[in-house]
Protein backbone atom coordinates (compact mmCIF):
# COMPACT_ATOMS: atom_id res chain seq x y z
CA MET A 1 4.88 -27.49 -7.25
CA LEU A 2 3.57 -24.80 -10.13
CA GLU A 3 0.74 -24.44 -7.91
CA VAL A 4 3.04 -23.84 -4.89
CA MET A 5 4.95 -21.39 -6.71
CA THR A 6 2.43 -19.62 -8.02
CA THR A 7 0.75 -18.80 -4.89
CA ALA A 8 3.96 -17.32 -3.63
CA ILE A 9 4.13 -15.16 -6.53
CA ALA A 10 0.80 -13.76 -6.42
CA HIS A 11 1.27 -12.86 -2.35
CA ARG A 12 3.90 -10.98 -3.66
CA LEU A 13 2.94 -6.83 -3.33
CA SER A 14 5.33 -5.59 -5.38
CA ARG A 15 4.00 -8.04 -8.61
CA ASN A 16 0.17 -7.51 -7.28
CA VAL A 17 -1.07 -5.20 -9.86
CA ARG A 18 -3.93 -4.88 -8.33
CA TYR A 19 -3.04 -3.52 -5.38
CA ILE A 20 -0.85 -0.85 -7.35
CA ILE A 21 -3.69 0.26 -8.71
CA TRP A 22 -5.54 0.40 -5.32
CA LEU A 23 -2.91 2.10 -3.70
CA ILE A 24 -2.02 4.60 -6.58
CA SER A 25 -5.96 5.46 -6.25
CA ASP A 26 -6.35 5.41 -2.25
CA THR A 27 -2.82 8.03 -2.08
CA ALA A 28 -4.62 10.69 -4.74
CA LYS A 29 -7.38 10.59 -2.48
CA GLY A 30 -5.26 10.51 0.53
CA LEU A 31 -3.10 13.37 -0.56
CA ALA A 32 -6.37 15.50 -1.34
CA SER A 33 -8.06 15.17 1.94
CA ALA A 34 -3.94 15.88 3.17
CA LEU A 35 -4.43 19.05 1.71
CA PHE A 36 -7.50 20.25 3.02
CA GLY A 37 -7.04 19.05 6.62
CA PHE A 38 -3.78 20.87 6.50
CA ALA A 39 -5.47 24.45 5.06
CA ILE A 40 -8.83 24.15 6.09
CA ALA A 41 -7.71 25.20 10.14
CA LEU A 42 -5.20 27.07 9.26
CA ILE A 43 -7.77 29.33 6.43
CA ALA A 44 -10.46 29.45 8.95
CA LEU A 45 -8.22 31.23 11.16
CA PHE A 46 -7.11 33.26 8.20
CA VAL A 47 -10.79 34.64 7.88
CA THR A 48 -11.84 34.86 11.44
CA ASN A 49 -8.71 35.38 13.50
CA ASP A 50 -10.14 33.35 16.06
CA PRO A 51 -9.43 29.94 16.87
CA ALA A 52 -12.58 29.37 18.62
CA GLN A 53 -14.12 29.22 15.28
CA ALA A 54 -11.64 27.48 13.52
CA GLY A 55 -12.22 25.00 16.24
CA ILE A 56 -15.65 24.20 15.90
CA ILE A 57 -15.48 24.27 11.75
CA SER A 58 -13.15 21.61 12.26
CA ALA A 59 -15.12 19.88 15.13
CA VAL A 60 -18.46 19.85 13.02
CA GLY A 61 -16.98 18.18 9.94
CA MET A 62 -15.82 15.63 12.07
CA THR A 63 -18.76 15.24 13.75
CA ILE A 64 -20.61 14.76 10.12
CA ARG A 65 -18.37 12.50 9.10
CA THR A 66 -18.39 10.13 12.40
CA ILE A 67 -22.35 9.55 11.56
CA THR A 68 -21.50 9.33 7.55
CA THR A 69 -19.20 6.55 8.51
CA VAL A 70 -22.12 4.78 9.58
CA PHE A 71 -24.21 4.62 6.56
CA GLY A 72 -21.12 4.38 4.84
CA GLY A 73 -20.09 0.68 6.09
CA VAL A 74 -23.56 -0.27 5.03
CA LEU A 75 -23.43 0.92 1.50
CA ALA A 76 -19.93 -0.78 1.74
CA ASP A 77 -21.22 -4.08 2.39
CA ARG A 78 -24.53 -3.64 0.05
CA HIS A 79 -22.71 -2.77 -2.88
CA SER A 80 -19.55 -2.98 -5.30
CA ARG A 81 -16.85 -1.37 -2.96
CA ILE A 82 -14.66 -0.13 -6.19
CA VAL A 83 -17.41 1.57 -7.73
CA MET A 84 -18.63 3.50 -4.81
CA MET A 85 -14.66 4.38 -4.91
CA ILE A 86 -15.17 5.64 -8.32
CA VAL A 87 -18.16 7.60 -7.21
CA GLY A 88 -16.94 8.83 -4.11
CA SER A 89 -13.72 10.06 -6.06
CA ALA A 90 -16.02 11.67 -8.52
CA ALA A 91 -17.74 13.95 -5.73
CA GLY A 92 -14.80 14.28 -3.88
CA VAL A 93 -13.83 16.61 -7.97
CA VAL A 94 -17.04 18.63 -7.98
CA LEU A 95 -16.80 19.69 -4.05
CA ALA A 96 -13.10 20.34 -4.66
CA GLY A 97 -14.71 22.49 -7.49
CA ALA A 98 -16.84 24.43 -5.77
CA PHE A 99 -13.68 25.17 -2.87
CA THR A 100 -12.06 26.60 -5.77
CA ALA A 101 -14.76 28.95 -7.08
CA LEU A 102 -15.28 30.64 -4.08
CA ALA A 103 -11.68 31.04 -3.00
CA LEU A 104 -11.43 32.66 -6.53
CA MET A 105 -14.18 34.88 -5.74
CA ASP A 106 -13.11 35.22 -2.28
CA ALA A 107 -16.38 34.10 -0.88
CA LEU A 108 -14.48 32.28 1.83
CA THR A 109 -16.36 33.06 5.30
CA PHE A 110 -16.72 31.22 8.60
CA VAL A 111 -20.37 30.31 6.47
CA THR A 112 -18.79 28.86 3.50
CA LEU A 113 -15.71 27.00 4.62
CA LEU A 114 -18.21 24.79 7.37
CA VAL A 115 -20.60 24.63 4.32
CA ILE A 116 -17.64 23.01 2.70
CA ASP A 117 -15.84 21.33 5.21
CA VAL A 118 -19.63 19.62 6.22
CA ALA A 119 -19.55 18.06 2.92
CA LEU A 120 -16.61 16.82 2.26
CA ALA A 121 -16.61 15.12 5.58
CA ALA A 122 -19.76 13.35 4.34
CA ARG A 123 -18.28 12.14 1.30
CA ALA A 124 -15.40 11.27 2.83
CA GLY A 125 -17.98 8.99 5.84
CA LEU A 126 -20.16 7.65 2.94
CA PHE A 127 -17.46 6.39 0.52
CA ASP A 128 -13.94 6.23 2.22
CA VAL A 129 -14.89 3.07 3.63
CA ALA A 130 -15.73 1.05 0.91
CA GLY A 131 -12.05 2.16 -0.28
CA GLU A 132 -10.75 0.49 2.62
CA SER A 133 -12.78 -2.62 2.66
CA ALA A 134 -11.34 -3.16 -0.84
CA LEU A 135 -8.35 -4.21 -0.07
CA LYS A 136 -9.40 -7.22 1.55
CA GLU A 137 -10.63 -8.67 -1.82
CA ILE A 138 -7.03 -7.48 -3.25
CA VAL A 139 -4.39 -8.81 -1.31
CA PRO A 140 -4.27 -12.15 0.74
CA ASP A 141 -4.38 -12.08 4.70
CA ASP A 142 -0.82 -13.61 4.77
CA ALA A 143 0.23 -10.40 2.74
CA MET A 144 -2.08 -7.83 4.57
CA GLY A 145 0.33 -6.86 7.63
CA ARG A 146 3.14 -6.34 4.75
CA ALA A 147 0.17 -3.78 3.08
CA GLN A 148 -0.54 -2.16 5.84
CA ALA A 149 3.44 -1.46 6.40
CA ALA A 150 3.21 -0.31 3.33
CA ASN A 151 -0.31 1.85 3.26
CA GLN A 152 1.93 3.03 6.26
CA GLY A 153 4.62 4.02 4.42
CA ARG A 154 2.83 5.66 1.69
CA ASP A 155 0.66 8.08 4.66
CA ALA A 156 4.69 9.27 5.59
CA VAL A 157 5.25 9.95 2.04
CA LEU A 158 2.08 11.97 2.05
CA GLN A 159 3.23 13.49 5.20
CA ILE A 160 6.32 14.75 3.89
CA ALA A 161 5.00 16.34 1.02
CA GLY A 162 1.39 17.70 1.84
CA GLY A 163 2.69 19.99 4.61
CA PRO A 164 5.25 21.81 2.84
CA LEU A 165 2.84 21.23 -0.53
CA GLY A 166 -0.28 22.73 1.20
CA GLY A 167 2.07 25.78 3.12
CA VAL A 168 3.54 26.69 -0.56
CA LEU A 169 -0.38 26.67 -2.12
CA LEU A 170 -1.72 28.30 0.58
CA ALA A 171 1.01 30.99 0.25
CA ALA A 172 0.22 31.59 -3.26
CA GLY A 173 -3.59 31.61 -2.99
CA ALA A 174 -6.32 29.41 -1.03
CA TRP A 175 -7.82 28.98 -4.64
CA LEU A 176 -4.49 26.98 -5.69
CA ILE A 177 -5.18 23.91 -2.40
CA GLY A 178 -8.77 23.20 -4.12
CA ALA A 179 -7.73 22.80 -7.74
CA ALA A 180 -5.06 20.78 -6.20
CA MET A 181 -7.51 18.23 -4.85
CA ALA A 182 -9.70 18.38 -7.54
CA VAL A 183 -6.83 17.00 -10.15
CA SER A 184 -6.29 14.45 -7.45
CA HIS A 185 -9.73 13.15 -6.98
CA LEU A 186 -9.70 12.74 -10.84
CA ILE A 187 -6.49 10.73 -10.70
CA ALA A 188 -8.21 8.79 -7.61
CA MET A 189 -11.15 8.39 -10.01
CA VAL A 190 -9.72 7.11 -12.88
CA THR A 191 -7.62 4.24 -11.74
CA ALA A 192 -10.34 3.27 -9.02
CA TRP A 193 -12.37 2.80 -12.78
CA MET A 194 -8.99 1.12 -14.07
CA LEU A 195 -9.19 -0.80 -10.70
CA ARG A 196 -12.87 -1.96 -11.95
CA ARG A 197 -11.77 -2.82 -15.69
CA SER A 198 -9.18 -5.43 -13.88
CA ALA A 199 -11.13 -7.29 -11.75
CA PRO A 200 -11.72 -10.70 -12.76
CA GLY A 201 -15.40 -10.91 -11.06
CA ASP A 202 -17.42 -9.18 -9.05
CA ASP A 203 -15.38 -7.25 -6.70
CA GLY A 204 -18.56 -6.44 -3.92
CA PRO A 205 -19.68 -8.62 -0.81
CA HIS A 206 -21.86 -10.22 -3.20
CA GLY A 207 -18.84 -11.93 -5.86
CA ALA A 208 -18.53 -15.09 -3.92
CA GLU A 209 -21.89 -15.37 -5.03
CA THR A 210 -21.88 -14.93 -8.45
CA LEU A 211 -18.80 -16.98 -8.77
CA GLU A 212 -20.55 -19.62 -6.86
CA ALA A 213 -23.20 -19.18 -9.56
CA ALA A 214 -20.68 -19.51 -12.62
CA SER A 215 -18.95 -22.46 -11.36
CA THR A 216 -22.41 -24.54 -10.68
CA GLY A 217 -23.21 -24.24 -14.18
CA LEU A 218 -26.06 -21.36 -14.27
CA GLU A 219 -26.60 -20.29 -17.83
CA ASN A 220 -26.45 -16.67 -16.84
CA PRO A 221 -24.99 -15.66 -13.42
CA ASP A 222 -25.52 -12.16 -14.65
CA GLU A 223 -29.40 -13.05 -14.07
CA LEU A 224 -27.89 -13.94 -9.83
CA ALA A 225 -25.78 -10.75 -10.05
CA SER A 226 -29.20 -8.55 -11.03
CA GLU A 227 -30.74 -10.06 -8.47
CA VAL A 228 -28.52 -9.35 -5.77
CA GLY A 229 -28.23 -5.88 -6.56
CA LEU A 230 -32.04 -5.54 -6.71
CA ALA A 231 -31.92 -6.96 -3.32
CA ALA A 232 -29.54 -4.65 -2.16
CA ALA A 233 -31.04 -1.91 -3.36
CA ALA A 234 -34.34 -3.14 -1.36
CA VAL A 235 -32.90 -3.21 1.54
CA ALA A 236 -31.05 0.29 0.71
CA ILE A 237 -35.06 1.92 1.19
CA GLY A 238 -35.62 0.36 4.49
CA ARG A 239 -34.23 1.97 7.10
CA PRO A 240 -35.22 0.04 9.81
CA ASN A 241 -32.87 -2.80 7.97
CA ALA A 242 -30.25 -0.04 7.29
CA LEU A 243 -30.66 0.59 11.40
CA ARG A 244 -29.98 -3.49 11.77
CA GLU A 245 -27.07 -4.02 10.05
CA ILE A 246 -25.64 -1.32 12.07
CA ALA A 247 -26.60 -2.58 14.69
CA GLU A 248 -24.91 -5.93 13.15
CA GLY A 249 -21.40 -4.10 12.75
CA PHE A 250 -21.29 -3.08 16.23
CA ARG A 251 -23.24 -5.98 17.71
CA TRP A 252 -20.29 -8.33 16.14
CA LEU A 253 -17.22 -5.70 16.95
CA ILE A 254 -18.02 -5.52 20.48
CA SER A 255 -18.82 -9.36 20.87
CA ARG A 256 -15.32 -9.68 19.99
CA PRO A 257 -12.92 -9.83 23.18
CA ASP A 258 -9.73 -9.47 21.01
CA LEU A 259 -10.32 -6.59 18.95
CA ARG A 260 -13.44 -4.54 21.77
CA GLY A 261 -10.58 -2.99 24.40
CA VAL A 262 -8.24 -1.89 21.74
CA LEU A 263 -11.03 0.29 20.17
CA PHE A 264 -11.40 2.53 23.65
CA VAL A 265 -7.51 2.37 24.23
CA ALA A 266 -7.97 4.19 20.58
CA THR A 267 -10.71 6.95 21.06
CA ILE A 268 -8.62 8.08 24.00
CA VAL A 269 -5.11 8.05 22.74
CA ASN A 270 -6.70 9.64 19.35
CA LEU A 271 -8.75 12.16 21.42
CA GLY A 272 -5.21 13.40 23.26
CA PHE A 273 -3.02 12.56 20.08
CA SER A 274 -5.32 15.13 18.24
CA THR A 275 -5.51 17.51 20.56
CA ALA A 276 -1.89 18.15 21.08
CA MET A 277 -1.36 18.59 17.50
CA THR A 278 -4.11 21.04 17.38
CA THR A 279 -2.67 22.98 19.76
CA VAL A 280 0.45 23.01 18.40
CA ILE A 281 -0.83 24.15 14.82
CA TYR A 282 -2.64 26.59 15.90
CA ALA A 283 -0.38 27.92 18.74
CA LEU A 284 2.50 28.60 16.13
CA GLN A 285 -0.03 30.24 13.50
CA GLN A 286 -1.23 32.61 16.69
CA ALA A 287 2.36 33.59 17.24
CA GLY A 288 2.56 34.30 14.10
CA HIS A 289 5.22 32.23 11.96
CA SER A 290 4.28 31.46 8.10
CA THR A 291 2.22 28.59 6.48
CA ILE A 292 5.29 27.27 5.13
CA THR A 293 7.08 26.91 8.50
CA ILE A 294 3.98 25.21 10.16
CA GLY A 295 4.06 22.89 7.06
CA LEU A 296 7.80 21.44 7.86
CA LEU A 297 6.49 20.24 10.98
CA ALA A 298 4.07 18.22 9.13
CA THR A 299 7.45 17.11 7.08
CA GLY A 300 9.55 16.56 10.04
CA ALA A 301 6.69 13.84 10.87
CA GLY A 302 6.70 12.52 7.62
CA VAL A 303 10.35 11.63 7.71
CA ALA A 304 10.28 9.80 10.85
CA MET A 305 7.01 8.00 10.04
CA LEU A 306 8.45 6.79 6.77
CA ILE A 307 11.80 5.66 8.63
CA GLY A 308 9.50 3.97 10.94
CA ALA A 309 7.67 2.42 8.40
CA LEU A 310 10.22 0.73 6.97
CA ILE A 311 11.00 -1.28 9.79
CA ALA A 312 7.45 -1.78 10.64
CA PRO A 313 7.49 -4.71 8.61
CA LEU A 314 10.04 -6.58 10.74
CA LEU A 315 8.88 -5.82 14.19
CA VAL A 316 4.83 -6.97 12.92
CA SER A 317 6.58 -9.93 12.35
CA ARG A 318 8.59 -10.45 14.95
CA VAL A 319 7.35 -8.82 17.81
CA ARG A 320 4.09 -9.74 18.71
CA ALA A 321 1.80 -7.40 18.30
CA SER A 322 0.66 -6.45 21.67
CA VAL A 323 4.35 -5.79 22.39
CA VAL A 324 4.30 -3.18 19.14
CA ILE A 325 1.04 -1.08 20.19
CA ILE A 326 1.87 -0.63 24.15
CA GLY A 327 5.31 -0.02 22.99
CA GLY A 328 4.28 2.67 20.49
CA LEU A 329 1.79 3.92 22.19
CA GLY A 330 3.95 4.65 25.35
CA VAL A 331 6.81 6.24 23.21
CA ALA A 332 3.30 8.71 21.66
CA THR A 333 2.74 9.69 25.23
CA LEU A 334 6.35 11.04 26.25
CA GLY A 335 6.61 12.46 22.92
CA VAL A 336 3.47 14.36 23.52
CA PHE A 337 4.20 15.46 26.58
CA GLY A 338 7.86 16.59 25.01
CA THR A 339 5.34 19.36 23.35
CA ILE A 340 5.26 21.27 26.20
CA PRO A 341 8.22 22.60 26.81
CA ALA A 342 9.63 22.82 22.92
CA GLN A 343 8.43 26.29 21.72
CA GLU A 344 10.38 26.68 18.57
CA PRO A 345 10.18 24.90 15.27
CA LEU A 346 12.74 23.34 14.95
CA ALA A 347 12.37 21.65 18.83
CA LEU A 348 8.83 20.59 17.74
CA ILE A 349 10.19 18.96 14.52
CA ALA A 350 12.58 17.03 16.54
CA VAL A 351 9.54 16.34 19.51
CA LEU A 352 6.96 15.35 16.48
CA ALA A 353 10.00 13.01 15.31
CA VAL A 354 10.34 10.78 18.30
CA THR A 355 6.33 11.23 18.58
CA VAL A 356 5.15 9.50 15.79
CA PHE A 357 8.68 7.25 14.74
CA PHE A 358 6.58 3.93 15.99
CA ILE A 359 3.37 4.86 14.83
CA PRO A 360 3.16 3.08 11.22
CA ALA A 361 4.33 -0.61 13.12
CA VAL A 362 1.21 -0.16 15.80
CA ASN A 363 -1.10 1.02 13.02
CA ALA A 364 0.18 -2.33 10.47
CA ALA A 365 -0.27 -4.69 14.19
CA LEU A 366 -4.42 -3.08 14.53
CA MET A 367 -4.89 -2.36 10.87
CA GLY A 368 -3.52 -5.89 9.70
CA TYR A 369 -5.20 -7.95 12.44
CA PHE A 370 -8.58 -6.39 11.93
CA MET A 371 -8.99 -7.05 8.67
CA VAL A 372 -7.31 -10.82 8.84
CA ALA A 373 -9.81 -10.94 11.56
CA THR A 374 -13.16 -9.27 10.11
CA PRO A 375 -15.33 -11.85 7.62
CA THR A 376 -15.38 -10.06 3.99
CA GLU A 377 -19.45 -9.95 3.99
CA LEU A 378 -19.25 -7.32 7.25
CA LEU A 379 -15.76 -5.83 6.74
CA GLY A 380 -17.45 -2.80 5.60
CA ARG A 381 -19.97 -2.69 8.56
CA ALA A 382 -17.00 -3.62 11.18
CA ASN A 383 -15.14 -0.55 9.60
CA SER A 384 -17.61 2.00 10.02
CA ALA A 385 -18.46 0.80 14.17
CA SER A 386 -14.24 0.76 14.73
CA ALA A 387 -13.75 4.11 13.42
CA VAL A 388 -17.23 5.65 15.54
CA LEU A 389 -15.36 3.66 18.62
CA GLY A 390 -12.38 5.10 17.62
CA MET A 391 -12.46 7.76 16.67
CA GLY A 392 -16.11 9.43 18.10
CA ALA A 393 -14.44 11.13 20.33
CA MET A 394 -12.17 13.01 17.61
CA PRO A 395 -14.58 16.32 17.21
CA PHE A 396 -13.63 17.72 20.56
CA ALA A 397 -9.76 17.93 19.71
CA PRO A 398 -10.49 21.20 17.71
CA LEU A 399 -12.52 22.36 20.47
CA ILE A 400 -10.61 21.74 23.37
CA ALA A 401 -7.57 22.66 21.55
CA GLY A 402 -9.19 26.03 20.43
CA LEU A 403 -10.99 26.78 23.73
CA GLY A 404 -7.95 25.92 25.60
CA LEU A 405 -5.73 28.33 23.76
CA ALA A 406 -7.97 30.92 24.55
CA VAL A 407 -8.91 30.38 27.92
CA ILE A 408 -6.32 28.56 29.92
CA GLY A 409 -2.94 29.02 27.25
CA ARG A 410 -1.05 26.91 25.31
CA GLU A 411 1.03 25.02 28.31
CA SER A 412 -2.09 23.56 30.40
CA THR A 413 -3.85 22.56 26.82
CA LEU A 414 -0.92 20.54 26.14
CA VAL A 415 -0.54 18.93 29.54
CA THR A 416 -4.40 17.99 29.36
CA ALA A 417 -3.66 16.83 25.45
CA SER A 418 -0.56 14.49 27.52
CA ALA A 419 -2.47 13.40 30.55
CA LEU A 420 -5.50 11.47 28.08
CA CYS A 421 -2.45 9.99 26.55
CA ALA A 422 -1.42 8.44 29.28
CA ILE A 423 -4.61 7.23 30.41
CA SER A 424 -4.73 5.35 27.12
CA VAL A 425 -1.52 3.82 28.04
CA LEU A 426 -2.45 2.23 31.13
CA LEU A 427 -5.73 0.76 29.65
CA ALA A 428 -4.05 -0.98 27.03
CA VAL A 429 -1.04 -2.53 29.52
CA ALA A 430 -4.67 -3.48 31.62
CA ASN A 431 -6.56 -4.92 29.04
CA ARG A 432 -5.84 -8.99 28.62
CA GLY A 433 -7.66 -8.94 25.19
CA LEU A 434 -4.64 -6.78 23.34
CA ARG A 435 -2.06 -8.09 25.42
CA ALA A 436 -2.52 -11.77 23.88
CA LEU A 437 -2.34 -10.27 20.38
CA PRO A 438 0.20 -12.69 18.73
CA VAL A 439 3.05 -12.32 16.11
CA GLU A 440 1.83 -11.57 12.26
CA ALA A 441 2.00 -15.38 11.44
CA GLY A 442 -0.28 -15.83 14.25
CA TRP A 443 -2.96 -13.43 13.26
CA SER A 444 -5.57 -16.28 11.06
CA ALA A 445 -5.09 -18.76 13.86
CA HIS A 446 -6.05 -16.30 16.32
CA ALA A 447 -8.59 -14.62 15.42
CA ARG A 448 -10.19 -18.13 14.44
CA GLN A 449 -10.37 -18.60 18.53
CA PHE A 450 -13.12 -15.94 18.06
CA GLU A 451 -15.41 -17.06 15.05
């Protein structure tokens, strides 16, 4: 009885200290990304006064992130994921400091913005996969759905705060965006270090081997850990092996009928939704609206997502994941269509609120099941493969938005984005693997069918 009670308490997220520390670290890193993601397009528009050039900067950054994410997955499976979190946050501090210095020197141009965006995108691609994958060592499978729902609530809070905060900071000076990013990455680095210190054993993908060595009575398990580390370093040097490891992640993911169909749906809906949002932001800026007003759009969407995140645990635990995903995508598609007639900020806030309301539940179902279904030793590469396949078309979104506004206008560009979202819903309905996903309690059993 005592063992059962202890297990139940350990699975309560509010008492999982390591999860709370992880959440603080991930939230600080997320705030830095949210601030830069909000500011970069607007700064580029102010500097160049050309939506097409602003779109090029965003597109190149997304492309670099997609490419580096593939190698980030390999690194996450070779090395301690929490150590990777620390190193990645330290790199973020340095890059944010460089951006702050450029802004203070009034040296922000198309070229310097492009370089900074590429560097930050590479940092995210190489290191952020490790942070996402570390969650599997911190939260048990039967709490993963609730953890993902909590993460969605966190993202909504960042959405609420990030837009107005970014607008206020940007109105006072671009250098403040960089300073806030540096502080956020510093907090992420310190809390990741605390997470490392609190680890009961090796948190990396080879942690089980070290624990097994201890349990079987080896006199110095650190020798095994050292050998494993040296082996990982040797693998890291050889490019053919790295490519083989990358291929393993893609091959495993595509071989899973319960996962592969969702990826193609996600690719199209991400492209459509991102194109619509970028078009709306660019159009408002070109119409003369202030950065604070544009930031309020993110606030309205964030409030809707926060409310949606509060009901997400109920939905994923009581409704089939297939219904949550298809229904949520359908509502989001209707919302994207609604941005076509909506011209003023207040109308757009209302439309965006409807658009994103069920997104937290959709993401909790998708990401929760994915984390449960993926083996720990493959999670980094599977995460990166999923990101590449699910977001591979994303670099085209700012290009479509920027060039679309310049060539065919706001309404026609939004019609294109809406059509892409509608196609994704039709593909989701037609996908047998997606339609079979059960409620949260059945995720583990459902995933075991495909092992």
